[in-house]
Amino acid sequence: MLNKRFSERLNKELDNIGVPEATAERIEILSKLIKIPKFKAEALLNGITIPDEAVLKTLAQELEVNVDWLIGKSDSKSGAH
């Protein structure tokens, strides 16, 4: 459940910052944005897994959202990262 919510919120935030919806482009951009391998970026985007704590913090900072919101543990999008 958290994986799906995380994936939905991640994709929505990528939409909000103008990342193309095309899968290959989105994987490439996410991979470069948070410095992870493409296969990990694809797994995150598809809700197969959620990132470890370090990647999650980096991702939340880049997207300017709350870590707990990003993984679906909070309804508050902004606040402490």
C-alpha atoms as a PDB file:
ATOM      1  CA  MET A   1       0.000   0.000   0.000  1.00  0.00           C
ATOM      2  CA  LEU A   2       2.761   2.475   0.902  1.00  0.00           C
ATOM      3  CA  ASN A   3       4.596   1.573  -2.301  1.00  0.00           C
ATOM      4  CA  LYS A   4       1.563   2.463  -4.423  1.00  0.00           C
ATOM      5  CA  ARG A   5       0.884   5.713  -2.586  1.00  0.00           C
ATOM      6  CA  PHE A   6       4.585   6.632  -2.789  1.00  0.00           C
ATOM      7  CA  SER A   7       4.623   5.930  -6.531  1.00  0.00           C
ATOM      8  CA  GLU A   8       1.482   8.005  -7.118  1.00  0.00           C
ATOM      9  CA  ARG A   9       2.817  10.948  -5.147  1.00  0.00           C
ATOM     10  CA  LEU A  10       6.259  10.739  -6.741  1.00  0.00           C
ATOM     11  CA  ASN A  11       4.779  10.732 -10.233  1.00  0.00           C
ATOM     12  CA  LYS A  12       2.436  13.616  -9.384  1.00  0.00           C
ATOM     13  CA  GLU A  13       5.324  15.720  -8.092  1.00  0.00           C
ATOM     14  CA  LEU A  14       7.386  14.921 -11.185  1.00  0.00           C
ATOM     15  CA  ASP A  15       4.406  16.072 -13.279  1.00  0.00           C
ATOM     16  CA  ASN A  16       4.292  19.281 -11.236  1.00  0.00           C
ATOM     17  CA  ILE A  17       7.915  20.112 -12.028  1.00  0.00           C
ATOM     18  CA  GLY A  18       7.473  19.379 -15.727  1.00  0.00           C
ATOM     19  CA  VAL A  19       9.112  15.967 -16.074  1.00  0.00           C
ATOM     20  CA  PRO A  20       7.818  14.308 -19.276  1.00  0.00           C
ATOM     21  CA  GLU A  21       5.356  11.453 -18.764  1.00  0.00           C
ATOM     22  CA  ALA A  22       7.158   9.173 -21.214  1.00  0.00           C
ATOM     23  CA  THR A  23       8.496   6.281 -19.157  1.00  0.00           C
ATOM     24  CA  ALA A  24      12.048   6.197 -20.522  1.00  0.00           C
ATOM     25  CA  GLU A  25      12.492   9.955 -20.121  1.00  0.00           C
ATOM     26  CA  ARG A  26      11.011   9.952 -16.632  1.00  0.00           C
ATOM     27  CA  ILE A  27      13.315   7.129 -15.517  1.00  0.00           C
ATOM     28  CA  GLU A  28      16.345   8.943 -16.961  1.00  0.00           C
ATOM     29  CA  ILE A  29      15.485  12.249 -15.285  1.00  0.00           C
ATOM     30  CA  LEU A  30      14.709  10.711 -11.887  1.00  0.00           C
ATOM     31  CA  SER A  31      17.907   8.684 -12.053  1.00  0.00           C
ATOM     32  CA  LYS A  32      19.971  11.821 -12.659  1.00  0.00           C
ATOM     33  CA  LEU A  33      17.997  13.976 -10.209  1.00  0.00           C
ATOM     34  CA  ILE A  34      18.710  11.800  -7.192  1.00  0.00           C
ATOM     35  CA  LYS A  35      21.783   9.956  -8.487  1.00  0.00           C
ATOM     36  CA  ILE A  36      20.473   6.388  -8.510  1.00  0.00           C
ATOM     37  CA  PRO A  37      20.708   3.644 -11.161  1.00  0.00           C
ATOM     38  CA  LYS A  38      17.952   3.593 -13.770  1.00  0.00           C
ATOM     39  CA  PHE A  39      16.619   0.219 -12.597  1.00  0.00           C
ATOM     40  CA  LYS A  40      16.043   1.686  -9.118  1.00  0.00           C
ATOM     41  CA  ALA A  41      14.355   4.766 -10.561  1.00  0.00           C
ATOM     42  CA  GLU A  42      12.041   2.531 -12.577  1.00  0.00           C
ATOM     43  CA  ALA A  43      11.175   0.472  -9.477  1.00  0.00           C
ATOM     44  CA  LEU A  44      10.323   3.645  -7.547  1.00  0.00           C
ATOM     45  CA  LEU A  45       8.176   5.066 -10.333  1.00  0.00           C
ATOM     46  CA  ASN A  46       6.251   1.811 -10.707  1.00  0.00           C
ATOM     47  CA  GLY A  47       5.632   1.274  -7.000  1.00  0.00           C
ATOM     48  CA  ILE A  48       7.749  -1.859  -6.811  1.00  0.00           C
ATOM     49  CA  THR A  49       9.743  -0.488  -3.890  1.00  0.00           C
ATOM     50  CA  ILE A  50      10.232   2.602  -1.768  1.00  0.00           C
ATOM     51  CA  PRO A  51      13.663   4.202  -1.387  1.00  0.00           C
ATOM     52  CA  ASP A  52      15.988   3.843   1.553  1.00  0.00           C
ATOM     53  CA  GLU A  53      16.159   6.708   4.029  1.00  0.00           C
ATOM     54  CA  ALA A  54      19.025   8.582   2.360  1.00  0.00           C
ATOM     55  CA  VAL A  55      17.445   8.499  -1.102  1.00  0.00           C
ATOM     56  CA  LEU A  56      14.055   9.391   0.361  1.00  0.00           C
ATOM     57  CA  LYS A  57      15.478  12.481   2.071  1.00  0.00           C
ATOM     58  CA  THR A  58      17.236  13.578  -1.116  1.00  0.00           C
ATOM     59  CA  LEU A  59      14.087  13.050  -3.143  1.00  0.00           C
ATOM     60  CA  ALA A  60      11.928  14.987  -0.674  1.00  0.00           C
ATOM     61  CA  GLN A  61      14.426  17.865  -0.715  1.00  0.00           C
ATOM     62  CA  GLU A  62      14.550  17.961  -4.519  1.00  0.00           C
ATOM     63  CA  LEU A  63      10.744  17.918  -4.754  1.00  0.00           C
ATOM     64  CA  GLU A  64      10.350  20.282  -1.774  1.00  0.00           C
ATOM     65  CA  VAL A  65       7.887  18.021   0.033  1.00  0.00           C
ATOM     66  CA  ASN A  66       7.632  16.339   3.431  1.00  0.00           C
ATOM     67  CA  VAL A  67       9.220  12.871   3.604  1.00  0.00           C
ATOM     68  CA  ASP A  68       6.225  11.427   5.475  1.00  0.00           C
ATOM     69  CA  TRP A  69       3.827  12.843   2.886  1.00  0.00           C
ATOM     70  CA  LEU A  70       5.863  11.376   0.055  1.00  0.00           C
ATOM     71  CA  ILE A  71       5.684   7.855   1.479  1.00  0.00           C
ATOM     72  CA  GLY A  72       2.020   8.197   2.427  1.00  0.00           C
ATOM     73  CA  LYS A  73       2.352   8.465   6.196  1.00  0.00           C
ATOM     74  CA  SER A  74       1.050  12.042   6.331  1.00  0.00           C
ATOM     75  CA  ASP A  75      -1.473  14.201   4.523  1.00  0.00           C
ATOM     76  CA  SER A  76       0.684  17.304   5.023  1.00  0.00           C
ATOM     77  CA  LYS A  77       2.710  17.915   1.880  1.00  0.00           C
ATOM     78  CA  SER A  78       4.909  20.666   3.306  1.00  0.00           C
ATOM     79  CA  GLY A  79       6.806  20.968   6.537  1.00  0.00           C
ATOM     80  CA  ALA A  80       9.909  19.381   7.986  1.00  0.00           C
ATOM     81  CA  HIS A  81      11.844  17.256   5.520  1.00  0.00           C
END
